[in-house]
ModelCIF file with pLDDT and N, C-alpha, C, O atoms, coordinates in Angstrom:
data_MODEL
#
_entry.id   MODEL 
#
_entity.id                         1 
_entity.type                       polymer 
_entity.pdbx_number_of_molecules   1 
#
_entity_poly.entity_id                      1 
_entity_poly.type                           'polypeptide(L)' 
_entity_poly.nstd_linkage                   no 
_entity_poly.nstd_monomer                   no 
_entity_poly.pdbx_seq_one_letter_code       LETYDGQLLASAWMVVEGRSGFISETRTATLPLPPQVQRLVHAGLEL 
_entity_poly.pdbx_seq_one_letter_code_can   LETYDGQLLASAWMVVEGRSGFISETRTATLPLPPQVQRLVHAGLEL 
_entity_poly.pdbx_strand_id                 A 
#
loop_
_entity_poly_seq.entity_id 
_entity_poly_seq.num 
_entity_poly_seq.mon_id 
_entity_poly_seq.hetero 
1 1  LEU n 
1 2  GLU n 
1 3  THR n 
1 4  TYR n 
1 5  ASP n 
1 6  GLY n 
1 7  GLN n 
1 8  LEU n 
1 9  LEU n 
1 10 ALA n 
1 11 SER n 
1 12 ALA n 
1 13 TRP n 
1 14 MET n 
1 15 VAL n 
1 16 VAL n 
1 17 GLU n 
1 18 GLY n 
1 19 ARG n 
1 20 SER n 
1 21 GLY n 
1 22 PHE n 
1 23 ILE n 
1 24 SER n 
1 25 GLU n 
1 26 THR n 
1 27 ARG n 
1 28 THR n 
1 29 ALA n 
1 30 THR n 
1 31 LEU n 
1 32 PRO n 
1 33 LEU n 
1 34 PRO n 
1 35 PRO n 
1 36 GLN n 
1 37 VAL n 
1 38 GLN n 
1 39 ARG n 
1 40 LEU n 
1 41 VAL n 
1 42 HIS n 
1 43 ALA n 
1 44 GLY n 
1 45 LEU n 
1 46 GLU n 
1 47 LEU n 
#
_struct_asym.id          A 
_struct_asym.entity_id   1 
#
loop_
_ma_qa_metric.id 
_ma_qa_metric.mode 
_ma_qa_metric.name 
_ma_qa_metric.software_group_id 
_ma_qa_metric.type 
1 global pLDDT . pLDDT 
2 local  pLDDT . pLDDT 
#
_ma_qa_metric_global.metric_id      1 
_ma_qa_metric_global.metric_value   95.96 
_ma_qa_metric_global.model_id       1 
_ma_qa_metric_global.ordinal_id     1 
#
loop_
_ma_qa_metric_local.label_asym_id 
_ma_qa_metric_local.label_comp_id 
_ma_qa_metric_local.label_seq_id 
_ma_qa_metric_local.metric_id 
_ma_qa_metric_local.metric_value 
_ma_qa_metric_local.model_id 
_ma_qa_metric_local.ordinal_id 
A LEU 1  2 97.00 1 1  
A GLU 2  2 96.00 1 2  
A THR 3  2 95.00 1 3  
A TYR 4  2 94.00 1 4  
A ASP 5  2 96.00 1 5  
A GLY 6  2 94.00 1 6  
A GLN 7  2 96.00 1 7  
A LEU 8  2 97.00 1 8  
A LEU 9  2 97.00 1 9  
A ALA 10 2 96.00 1 10 
A SER 11 2 97.00 1 11 
A ALA 12 2 97.00 1 12 
A TRP 13 2 98.00 1 13 
A MET 14 2 98.00 1 14 
A VAL 15 2 98.00 1 15 
A VAL 16 2 98.00 1 16 
A GLU 17 2 98.00 1 17 
A GLY 18 2 97.00 1 18 
A ARG 19 2 95.00 1 19 
A SER 20 2 93.00 1 20 
A GLY 21 2 94.00 1 21 
A PHE 22 2 95.00 1 22 
A ILE 23 2 96.00 1 23 
A SER 24 2 97.00 1 24 
A GLU 25 2 98.00 1 25 
A THR 26 2 98.00 1 26 
A ARG 27 2 98.00 1 27 
A THR 28 2 97.00 1 28 
A ALA 29 2 95.00 1 29 
A THR 30 2 96.00 1 30 
A LEU 31 2 96.00 1 31 
A PRO 32 2 97.00 1 32 
A LEU 33 2 97.00 1 33 
A PRO 34 2 97.00 1 34 
A PRO 35 2 97.00 1 35 
A GLN 36 2 96.00 1 36 
A VAL 37 2 96.00 1 37 
A GLN 38 2 96.00 1 38 
A ARG 39 2 96.00 1 39 
A LEU 40 2 96.00 1 40 
A VAL 41 2 95.00 1 41 
A HIS 42 2 94.00 1 42 
A ALA 43 2 95.00 1 43 
A GLY 44 2 94.00 1 44 
A LEU 45 2 93.00 1 45 
A GLU 46 2 92.00 1 46 
A LEU 47 2 92.00 1 47 
#
loop_
_atom_site.group_PDB 
_atom_site.id 
_atom_site.type_symbol 
_atom_site.label_atom_id 
_atom_site.label_alt_id 
_atom_site.label_comp_id 
_atom_site.label_asym_id 
_atom_site.label_entity_id 
_atom_site.label_seq_id 
_atom_site.pdbx_PDB_ins_code 
_atom_site.Cartn_x 
_atom_site.Cartn_y 
_atom_site.Cartn_z 
_atom_site.occupancy 
_atom_site.B_iso_or_equiv 
_atom_site.pdbx_formal_charge 
_atom_site.auth_seq_id 
_atom_site.auth_comp_id 
_atom_site.auth_asym_id 
_atom_site.auth_atom_id 
_atom_site.pdbx_PDB_model_num 
ATOM 1   N N  . LEU A 1 1  ? 0.895   -1.280  0.087   1.00 97.00 ? 1  LEU A N  1 
ATOM 2   C CA . LEU A 1 1  ? -0.109  0.140   -0.043  1.00 97.00 ? 1  LEU A CA 1 
ATOM 3   C C  . LEU A 1 1  ? 1.037   1.276   -0.032  1.00 97.00 ? 1  LEU A C  1 
ATOM 4   O O  . LEU A 1 1  ? 2.232   1.185   0.246   1.00 97.00 ? 1  LEU A O  1 
ATOM 5   N N  . GLU A 1 2  ? 0.252   2.378   -0.432  1.00 96.00 ? 2  GLU A N  1 
ATOM 6   C CA . GLU A 1 2  ? 0.846   3.576   -0.507  1.00 96.00 ? 2  GLU A CA 1 
ATOM 7   C C  . GLU A 1 2  ? 0.108   4.585   -0.361  1.00 96.00 ? 2  GLU A C  1 
ATOM 8   O O  . GLU A 1 2  ? -0.974  4.289   -0.868  1.00 96.00 ? 2  GLU A O  1 
ATOM 9   N N  . THR A 1 3  ? 0.068   5.753   0.101   1.00 95.00 ? 3  THR A N  1 
ATOM 10  C CA . THR A 1 3  ? -0.876  6.804   0.162   1.00 95.00 ? 3  THR A CA 1 
ATOM 11  C C  . THR A 1 3  ? -0.307  8.049   -0.481  1.00 95.00 ? 3  THR A C  1 
ATOM 12  O O  . THR A 1 3  ? 0.753   8.586   -0.158  1.00 95.00 ? 3  THR A O  1 
ATOM 13  N N  . TYR A 1 4  ? -1.184  8.465   -1.484  1.00 94.00 ? 4  TYR A N  1 
ATOM 14  C CA . TYR A 1 4  ? -0.896  9.603   -2.148  1.00 94.00 ? 4  TYR A CA 1 
ATOM 15  C C  . TYR A 1 4  ? -1.924  10.553  -2.170  1.00 94.00 ? 4  TYR A C  1 
ATOM 16  O O  . TYR A 1 4  ? -3.012  10.249  -2.661  1.00 94.00 ? 4  TYR A O  1 
ATOM 17  N N  . ASP A 1 5  ? -1.698  11.786  -1.650  1.00 96.00 ? 5  ASP A N  1 
ATOM 18  C CA . ASP A 1 5  ? -2.407  12.929  -1.516  1.00 96.00 ? 5  ASP A CA 1 
ATOM 19  C C  . ASP A 1 5  ? -3.966  12.318  -0.656  1.00 96.00 ? 5  ASP A C  1 
ATOM 20  O O  . ASP A 1 5  ? -5.128  12.385  -1.055  1.00 96.00 ? 5  ASP A O  1 
ATOM 21  N N  . GLY A 1 6  ? -3.527  11.856  0.360   1.00 94.00 ? 6  GLY A N  1 
ATOM 22  C CA . GLY A 1 6  ? -4.624  11.400  1.094   1.00 94.00 ? 6  GLY A CA 1 
ATOM 23  C C  . GLY A 1 6  ? -5.331  9.995   0.543   1.00 94.00 ? 6  GLY A C  1 
ATOM 24  O O  . GLY A 1 6  ? -6.179  9.536   1.307   1.00 94.00 ? 6  GLY A O  1 
ATOM 25  N N  . GLN A 1 7  ? -5.138  9.408   -0.435  1.00 96.00 ? 7  GLN A N  1 
ATOM 26  C CA . GLN A 1 7  ? -5.868  8.352   -1.060  1.00 96.00 ? 7  GLN A CA 1 
ATOM 27  C C  . GLN A 1 7  ? -4.932  7.152   -0.811  1.00 96.00 ? 7  GLN A C  1 
ATOM 28  O O  . GLN A 1 7  ? -3.740  7.218   -1.114  1.00 96.00 ? 7  GLN A O  1 
ATOM 29  N N  . LEU A 1 8  ? -5.491  6.041   -0.247  1.00 97.00 ? 8  LEU A N  1 
ATOM 30  C CA . LEU A 1 8  ? -4.784  4.526   0.084   1.00 97.00 ? 8  LEU A CA 1 
ATOM 31  C C  . LEU A 1 8  ? -4.718  3.789   -1.361  1.00 97.00 ? 8  LEU A C  1 
ATOM 32  O O  . LEU A 1 8  ? -5.810  3.499   -1.850  1.00 97.00 ? 8  LEU A O  1 
ATOM 33  N N  . LEU A 1 9  ? -3.742  3.510   -1.974  1.00 97.00 ? 9  LEU A N  1 
ATOM 34  C CA . LEU A 1 9  ? -3.741  2.690   -3.057  1.00 97.00 ? 9  LEU A CA 1 
ATOM 35  C C  . LEU A 1 9  ? -2.979  1.510   -2.876  1.00 97.00 ? 9  LEU A C  1 
ATOM 36  O O  . LEU A 1 9  ? -1.902  1.497   -2.280  1.00 97.00 ? 9  LEU A O  1 
ATOM 37  N N  . ALA A 1 10 ? -3.614  0.356   -3.465  1.00 96.00 ? 10 ALA A N  1 
ATOM 38  C CA . ALA A 1 10 ? -3.038  -0.857  -3.317  1.00 96.00 ? 10 ALA A CA 1 
ATOM 39  C C  . ALA A 1 10 ? -2.425  -1.189  -4.756  1.00 96.00 ? 10 ALA A C  1 
ATOM 40  O O  . ALA A 1 10 ? -2.959  -0.887  -5.823  1.00 96.00 ? 10 ALA A O  1 
ATOM 41  N N  . SER A 1 11 ? -1.085  -1.934  -4.581  1.00 97.00 ? 11 SER A N  1 
ATOM 42  C CA . SER A 1 11 ? -0.367  -2.572  -5.760  1.00 97.00 ? 11 SER A CA 1 
ATOM 43  C C  . SER A 1 11 ? 0.378   -3.688  -5.422  1.00 97.00 ? 11 SER A C  1 
ATOM 44  O O  . SER A 1 11 ? 0.390   -4.093  -4.259  1.00 97.00 ? 11 SER A O  1 
ATOM 45  N N  . ALA A 1 12 ? 1.072   -4.294  -6.407  1.00 97.00 ? 12 ALA A N  1 
ATOM 46  C CA . ALA A 1 12 ? 1.695   -5.371  -5.950  1.00 97.00 ? 12 ALA A CA 1 
ATOM 47  C C  . ALA A 1 12 ? 3.111   -5.421  -6.992  1.00 97.00 ? 12 ALA A C  1 
ATOM 48  O O  . ALA A 1 12 ? 3.007   -5.170  -8.192  1.00 97.00 ? 12 ALA A O  1 
ATOM 49  N N  . TRP A 1 13 ? 4.166   -5.708  -6.476  1.00 98.00 ? 13 TRP A N  1 
ATOM 50  C CA . TRP A 1 13 ? 5.384   -5.941  -7.285  1.00 98.00 ? 13 TRP A CA 1 
ATOM 51  C C  . TRP A 1 13 ? 5.567   -7.666  -7.815  1.00 98.00 ? 13 TRP A C  1 
ATOM 52  O O  . TRP A 1 13 ? 5.285   -8.646  -7.126  1.00 98.00 ? 13 TRP A O  1 
ATOM 53  N N  . MET A 1 14 ? 6.054   -7.677  -9.065  1.00 98.00 ? 14 MET A N  1 
ATOM 54  C CA . MET A 1 14 ? 6.160   -9.205  -9.423  1.00 98.00 ? 14 MET A CA 1 
ATOM 55  C C  . MET A 1 14 ? 7.580   -9.105  -9.805  1.00 98.00 ? 14 MET A C  1 
ATOM 56  O O  . MET A 1 14 ? 7.877   -8.195  -10.580 1.00 98.00 ? 14 MET A O  1 
ATOM 57  N N  . VAL A 1 15 ? 8.554   -9.943  -9.360  1.00 98.00 ? 15 VAL A N  1 
ATOM 58  C CA . VAL A 1 15 ? 9.882   -10.115 -9.593  1.00 98.00 ? 15 VAL A CA 1 
ATOM 59  C C  . VAL A 1 15 ? 9.907   -11.561 -10.232 1.00 98.00 ? 15 VAL A C  1 
ATOM 60  O O  . VAL A 1 15 ? 9.244   -12.492 -9.775  1.00 98.00 ? 15 VAL A O  1 
ATOM 61  N N  . VAL A 1 16 ? 10.708  -11.656 -11.298 1.00 98.00 ? 16 VAL A N  1 
ATOM 62  C CA . VAL A 1 16 ? 11.067  -13.012 -11.726 1.00 98.00 ? 16 VAL A CA 1 
ATOM 63  C C  . VAL A 1 16 ? 12.561  -13.166 -12.039 1.00 98.00 ? 16 VAL A C  1 
ATOM 64  O O  . VAL A 1 16 ? 13.091  -12.369 -12.813 1.00 98.00 ? 16 VAL A O  1 
ATOM 65  N N  . GLU A 1 17 ? 13.253  -14.144 -11.477 1.00 98.00 ? 17 GLU A N  1 
ATOM 66  C CA . GLU A 1 17 ? 14.613  -14.338 -11.996 1.00 98.00 ? 17 GLU A CA 1 
ATOM 67  C C  . GLU A 1 17 ? 14.731  -15.649 -12.678 1.00 98.00 ? 17 GLU A C  1 
ATOM 68  O O  . GLU A 1 17 ? 14.125  -16.597 -12.178 1.00 98.00 ? 17 GLU A O  1 
ATOM 69  N N  . GLY A 1 18 ? 15.431  -15.829 -13.752 1.00 97.00 ? 18 GLY A N  1 
ATOM 70  C CA . GLY A 1 18 ? 15.625  -17.063 -14.564 1.00 97.00 ? 18 GLY A CA 1 
ATOM 71  C C  . GLY A 1 18 ? 17.109  -17.447 -14.056 1.00 97.00 ? 18 GLY A C  1 
ATOM 72  O O  . GLY A 1 18 ? 17.855  -16.652 -13.485 1.00 97.00 ? 18 GLY A O  1 
ATOM 73  N N  . ARG A 1 19 ? 17.428  -18.837 -14.365 1.00 95.00 ? 19 ARG A N  1 
ATOM 74  C CA . ARG A 1 19 ? 18.476  -19.300 -14.177 1.00 95.00 ? 19 ARG A CA 1 
ATOM 75  C C  . ARG A 1 19 ? 19.585  -18.609 -14.557 1.00 95.00 ? 19 ARG A C  1 
ATOM 76  O O  . ARG A 1 19 ? 20.534  -18.869 -13.816 1.00 95.00 ? 19 ARG A O  1 
ATOM 77  N N  . SER A 1 20 ? 19.842  -17.827 -15.425 1.00 93.00 ? 20 SER A N  1 
ATOM 78  C CA . SER A 1 20 ? 21.029  -17.102 -15.926 1.00 93.00 ? 20 SER A CA 1 
ATOM 79  C C  . SER A 1 20 ? 21.327  -16.126 -14.908 1.00 93.00 ? 20 SER A C  1 
ATOM 80  O O  . SER A 1 20 ? 22.440  -15.601 -14.899 1.00 93.00 ? 20 SER A O  1 
ATOM 81  N N  . GLY A 1 21 ? 20.413  -15.811 -14.007 1.00 94.00 ? 21 GLY A N  1 
ATOM 82  C CA . GLY A 1 21 ? 20.632  -14.456 -13.217 1.00 94.00 ? 21 GLY A CA 1 
ATOM 83  C C  . GLY A 1 21 ? 19.915  -13.131 -13.530 1.00 94.00 ? 21 GLY A C  1 
ATOM 84  O O  . GLY A 1 21 ? 19.981  -12.096 -12.866 1.00 94.00 ? 21 GLY A O  1 
ATOM 85  N N  . PHE A 1 22 ? 19.178  -13.359 -14.726 1.00 95.00 ? 22 PHE A N  1 
ATOM 86  C CA . PHE A 1 22 ? 18.677  -12.072 -15.356 1.00 95.00 ? 22 PHE A CA 1 
ATOM 87  C C  . PHE A 1 22 ? 17.335  -11.829 -14.644 1.00 95.00 ? 22 PHE A C  1 
ATOM 88  O O  . PHE A 1 22 ? 16.607  -12.821 -14.608 1.00 95.00 ? 22 PHE A O  1 
ATOM 89  N N  . ILE A 1 23 ? 16.931  -10.874 -14.153 1.00 96.00 ? 23 ILE A N  1 
ATOM 90  C CA . ILE A 1 23 ? 15.898  -10.438 -13.311 1.00 96.00 ? 23 ILE A CA 1 
ATOM 91  C C  . ILE A 1 23 ? 14.843  -9.346  -14.028 1.00 96.00 ? 23 ILE A C  1 
ATOM 92  O O  . ILE A 1 23 ? 15.209  -8.227  -14.387 1.00 96.00 ? 23 ILE A O  1 
ATOM 93  N N  . SER A 1 24 ? 13.562  -9.819  -14.168 1.00 97.00 ? 24 SER A N  1 
ATOM 94  C CA . SER A 1 24 ? 12.595  -8.822  -14.583 1.00 97.00 ? 24 SER A CA 1 
ATOM 95  C C  . SER A 1 24 ? 11.612  -8.575  -13.586 1.00 97.00 ? 24 SER A C  1 
ATOM 96  O O  . SER A 1 24 ? 11.171  -9.492  -12.894 1.00 97.00 ? 24 SER A O  1 
ATOM 97  N N  . GLU A 1 25 ? 11.137  -7.058  -13.432 1.00 98.00 ? 25 GLU A N  1 
ATOM 98  C CA . GLU A 1 25 ? 10.308  -6.730  -12.540 1.00 98.00 ? 25 GLU A CA 1 
ATOM 99  C C  . GLU A 1 25 ? 9.302   -5.965  -13.048 1.00 98.00 ? 25 GLU A C  1 
ATOM 100 O O  . GLU A 1 25 ? 9.628   -5.131  -13.893 1.00 98.00 ? 25 GLU A O  1 
ATOM 101 N N  . THR A 1 26 ? 7.848   -6.072  -12.650 1.00 98.00 ? 26 THR A N  1 
ATOM 102 C CA . THR A 1 26 ? 6.746   -5.322  -13.033 1.00 98.00 ? 26 THR A CA 1 
ATOM 103 C C  . THR A 1 26 ? 5.981   -5.181  -11.791 1.00 98.00 ? 26 THR A C  1 
ATOM 104 O O  . THR A 1 26 ? 6.055   -5.838  -10.752 1.00 98.00 ? 26 THR A O  1 
ATOM 105 N N  . ARG A 1 27 ? 5.085   -4.000  -12.170 1.00 98.00 ? 27 ARG A N  1 
ATOM 106 C CA . ARG A 1 27 ? 4.389   -3.641  -10.922 1.00 98.00 ? 27 ARG A CA 1 
ATOM 107 C C  . ARG A 1 27 ? 2.812   -3.767  -11.514 1.00 98.00 ? 27 ARG A C  1 
ATOM 108 O O  . ARG A 1 27 ? 2.599   -3.630  -12.719 1.00 98.00 ? 27 ARG A O  1 
ATOM 109 N N  . THR A 1 28 ? 1.728   -4.041  -10.549 1.00 97.00 ? 28 THR A N  1 
ATOM 110 C CA . THR A 1 28 ? 0.545   -4.069  -11.073 1.00 97.00 ? 28 THR A CA 1 
ATOM 111 C C  . THR A 1 28 ? -0.186  -2.815  -11.265 1.00 97.00 ? 28 THR A C  1 
ATOM 112 O O  . THR A 1 28 ? 0.413   -1.818  -10.861 1.00 97.00 ? 28 THR A O  1 
ATOM 113 N N  . ALA A 1 29 ? -1.450  -2.614  -11.836 1.00 95.00 ? 29 ALA A N  1 
ATOM 114 C CA . ALA A 1 29 ? -2.121  -1.421  -11.751 1.00 95.00 ? 29 ALA A CA 1 
ATOM 115 C C  . ALA A 1 29 ? -2.300  -0.959  -10.147 1.00 95.00 ? 29 ALA A C  1 
ATOM 116 O O  . ALA A 1 29 ? -2.284  -1.775  -9.226  1.00 95.00 ? 29 ALA A O  1 
ATOM 117 N N  . THR A 1 30 ? -2.438  0.194   -10.006 1.00 96.00 ? 30 THR A N  1 
ATOM 118 C CA . THR A 1 30 ? -2.881  0.592   -8.666  1.00 96.00 ? 30 THR A CA 1 
ATOM 119 C C  . THR A 1 30 ? -4.307  0.707   -8.530  1.00 96.00 ? 30 THR A C  1 
ATOM 120 O O  . THR A 1 30 ? -5.035  1.085   -9.448  1.00 96.00 ? 30 THR A O  1 
ATOM 121 N N  . LEU A 1 31 ? -4.694  0.393   -7.421  1.00 96.00 ? 31 LEU A N  1 
ATOM 122 C CA . LEU A 1 31 ? -6.375  0.083   -6.873  1.00 96.00 ? 31 LEU A CA 1 
ATOM 123 C C  . LEU A 1 31 ? -6.439  1.260   -5.821  1.00 96.00 ? 31 LEU A C  1 
ATOM 124 O O  . LEU A 1 31 ? -5.598  1.293   -4.923  1.00 96.00 ? 31 LEU A O  1 
ATOM 125 N N  . PRO A 1 32 ? -7.344  2.151   -5.906  1.00 97.00 ? 32 PRO A N  1 
ATOM 126 C CA . PRO A 1 32 ? -7.628  3.076   -5.111  1.00 97.00 ? 32 PRO A CA 1 
ATOM 127 C C  . PRO A 1 32 ? -8.758  2.338   -4.050  1.00 97.00 ? 32 PRO A C  1 
ATOM 128 O O  . PRO A 1 32 ? -9.792  1.822   -4.474  1.00 97.00 ? 32 PRO A O  1 
ATOM 129 N N  . LEU A 1 33 ? -8.429  2.372   -2.779  1.00 97.00 ? 33 LEU A N  1 
ATOM 130 C CA . LEU A 1 33 ? -9.166  1.783   -1.644  1.00 97.00 ? 33 LEU A CA 1 
ATOM 131 C C  . LEU A 1 33 ? -10.201 2.760   -0.841  1.00 97.00 ? 33 LEU A C  1 
ATOM 132 O O  . LEU A 1 33 ? -9.857  3.906   -0.553  1.00 97.00 ? 33 LEU A O  1 
ATOM 133 N N  . PRO A 1 34 ? -11.509 2.237   -0.489  1.00 97.00 ? 34 PRO A N  1 
ATOM 134 C CA . PRO A 1 34 ? -12.422 3.074   -0.003  1.00 97.00 ? 34 PRO A CA 1 
ATOM 135 C C  . PRO A 1 34 ? -12.021 3.680   1.301   1.00 97.00 ? 34 PRO A C  1 
ATOM 136 O O  . PRO A 1 34 ? -11.043 3.258   1.918   1.00 97.00 ? 34 PRO A O  1 
ATOM 137 N N  . PRO A 1 35 ? -12.771 4.676   1.733   1.00 97.00 ? 35 PRO A N  1 
ATOM 138 C CA . PRO A 1 35 ? -12.136 5.248   3.039   1.00 97.00 ? 35 PRO A CA 1 
ATOM 139 C C  . PRO A 1 35 ? -12.383 4.325   4.115   1.00 97.00 ? 35 PRO A C  1 
ATOM 140 O O  . PRO A 1 35 ? -11.556 4.240   5.022   1.00 97.00 ? 35 PRO A O  1 
ATOM 141 N N  . GLN A 1 36 ? -13.435 3.619   4.119   1.00 96.00 ? 36 GLN A N  1 
ATOM 142 C CA . GLN A 1 36 ? -13.612 2.618   5.273   1.00 96.00 ? 36 GLN A CA 1 
ATOM 143 C C  . GLN A 1 36 ? -12.406 1.709   5.387   1.00 96.00 ? 36 GLN A C  1 
ATOM 144 O O  . GLN A 1 36 ? -12.029 1.465   6.533   1.00 96.00 ? 36 GLN A O  1 
ATOM 145 N N  . VAL A 1 37 ? -11.811 1.226   4.479   1.00 96.00 ? 37 VAL A N  1 
ATOM 146 C CA . VAL A 1 37 ? -10.776 0.222   4.436   1.00 96.00 ? 37 VAL A CA 1 
ATOM 147 C C  . VAL A 1 37 ? -9.422  0.969   4.908   1.00 96.00 ? 37 VAL A C  1 
ATOM 148 O O  . VAL A 1 37 ? -8.572  0.594   5.715   1.00 96.00 ? 37 VAL A O  1 
ATOM 149 N N  . GLN A 1 38 ? -9.510  2.226   4.088   1.00 96.00 ? 38 GLN A N  1 
ATOM 150 C CA . GLN A 1 38 ? -8.255  3.075   4.587   1.00 96.00 ? 38 GLN A CA 1 
ATOM 151 C C  . GLN A 1 38 ? -8.158  3.293   6.191   1.00 96.00 ? 38 GLN A C  1 
ATOM 152 O O  . GLN A 1 38 ? -7.094  3.099   6.779   1.00 96.00 ? 38 GLN A O  1 
ATOM 153 N N  . ARG A 1 39 ? -9.171  3.649   6.766   1.00 96.00 ? 39 ARG A N  1 
ATOM 154 C CA . ARG A 1 39 ? -9.272  3.765   8.334   1.00 96.00 ? 39 ARG A CA 1 
ATOM 155 C C  . ARG A 1 39 ? -8.927  2.562   8.865   1.00 96.00 ? 39 ARG A C  1 
ATOM 156 O O  . ARG A 1 39 ? -8.132  2.719   9.793   1.00 96.00 ? 39 ARG A O  1 
ATOM 157 N N  . LEU A 1 40 ? -9.177  1.525   8.673   1.00 96.00 ? 40 LEU A N  1 
ATOM 158 C CA . LEU A 1 40 ? -8.883  0.276   9.272   1.00 96.00 ? 40 LEU A CA 1 
ATOM 159 C C  . LEU A 1 40 ? -7.481  -0.046  9.050   1.00 96.00 ? 40 LEU A C  1 
ATOM 160 O O  . LEU A 1 40 ? -6.784  -0.466  9.973   1.00 96.00 ? 40 LEU A O  1 
ATOM 161 N N  . VAL A 1 41 ? -7.049  0.125   7.911   1.00 95.00 ? 41 VAL A N  1 
ATOM 162 C CA . VAL A 1 41 ? -5.489  -0.197  7.732   1.00 95.00 ? 41 VAL A CA 1 
ATOM 163 C C  . VAL A 1 41 ? -4.629  0.826   8.625   1.00 95.00 ? 41 VAL A C  1 
ATOM 164 O O  . VAL A 1 41 ? -3.674  0.503   9.332   1.00 95.00 ? 41 VAL A O  1 
ATOM 165 N N  . HIS A 1 42 ? -5.100  1.998   8.475   1.00 94.00 ? 42 HIS A N  1 
ATOM 166 C CA . HIS A 1 42 ? -4.312  2.913   9.267   1.00 94.00 ? 42 HIS A CA 1 
ATOM 167 C C  . HIS A 1 42 ? -4.521  2.671   10.912  1.00 94.00 ? 42 HIS A C  1 
ATOM 168 O O  . HIS A 1 42 ? -3.779  3.203   11.739  1.00 94.00 ? 42 HIS A O  1 
ATOM 169 N N  . ALA A 1 43 ? -5.485  1.913   11.218  1.00 95.00 ? 43 ALA A N  1 
ATOM 170 C CA . ALA A 1 43 ? -5.731  1.824   12.702  1.00 95.00 ? 43 ALA A CA 1 
ATOM 171 C C  . ALA A 1 43 ? -4.700  0.223   12.888  1.00 95.00 ? 43 ALA A C  1 
ATOM 172 O O  . ALA A 1 43 ? -4.532  -0.309  13.985  1.00 95.00 ? 43 ALA A O  1 
ATOM 173 N N  . GLY A 1 44 ? -4.233  -0.215  11.839  1.00 94.00 ? 44 GLY A N  1 
ATOM 174 C CA . GLY A 1 44 ? -3.261  -1.460  12.368  1.00 94.00 ? 44 GLY A CA 1 
ATOM 175 C C  . GLY A 1 44 ? -3.462  -2.629  11.459  1.00 94.00 ? 44 GLY A C  1 
ATOM 176 O O  . GLY A 1 44 ? -2.538  -3.430  11.319  1.00 94.00 ? 44 GLY A O  1 
ATOM 177 N N  . LEU A 1 45 ? -4.662  -2.803  10.792  1.00 93.00 ? 45 LEU A N  1 
ATOM 178 C CA . LEU A 1 45 ? -5.087  -4.133  9.965   1.00 93.00 ? 45 LEU A CA 1 
ATOM 179 C C  . LEU A 1 45 ? -4.314  -4.319  8.753   1.00 93.00 ? 45 LEU A C  1 
ATOM 180 O O  . LEU A 1 45 ? -3.926  -3.345  8.107   1.00 93.00 ? 45 LEU A O  1 
ATOM 181 N N  . GLU A 1 46 ? -4.073  -5.492  8.412   1.00 92.00 ? 46 GLU A N  1 
ATOM 182 C CA . GLU A 1 46 ? -3.456  -5.667  7.161   1.00 92.00 ? 46 GLU A CA 1 
ATOM 183 C C  . GLU A 1 46 ? -4.760  -5.596  6.062   1.00 92.00 ? 46 GLU A C  1 
ATOM 184 O O  . GLU A 1 46 ? -5.936  -5.877  6.293   1.00 92.00 ? 46 GLU A O  1 
ATOM 185 N N  . LEU A 1 47 ? -4.251  -5.203  5.005   1.00 92.00 ? 47 LEU A N  1 
ATOM 186 C CA . LEU A 1 47 ? -5.284  -5.015  3.950   1.00 92.00 ? 47 LEU A CA 1 
ATOM 187 C C  . LEU A 1 47 ? -6.439  -6.257  3.827   1.00 92.00 ? 47 LEU A C  1 
ATOM 188 O O  . LEU A 1 47 ? -7.332  -6.188  2.983   1.00 92.00 ? 47 LEU A O  1 
#
């Protein structure tokens, strides 16, 4: 999660490493979370 301008956003990183040691990384689309979820996360709950 990350908060931008007061909005809590969810996303995820994907990292893949191949046998040669080559690594590729991508990130999902970000998802805005509703205020009710944001309050609970800021109170200490996991998403």
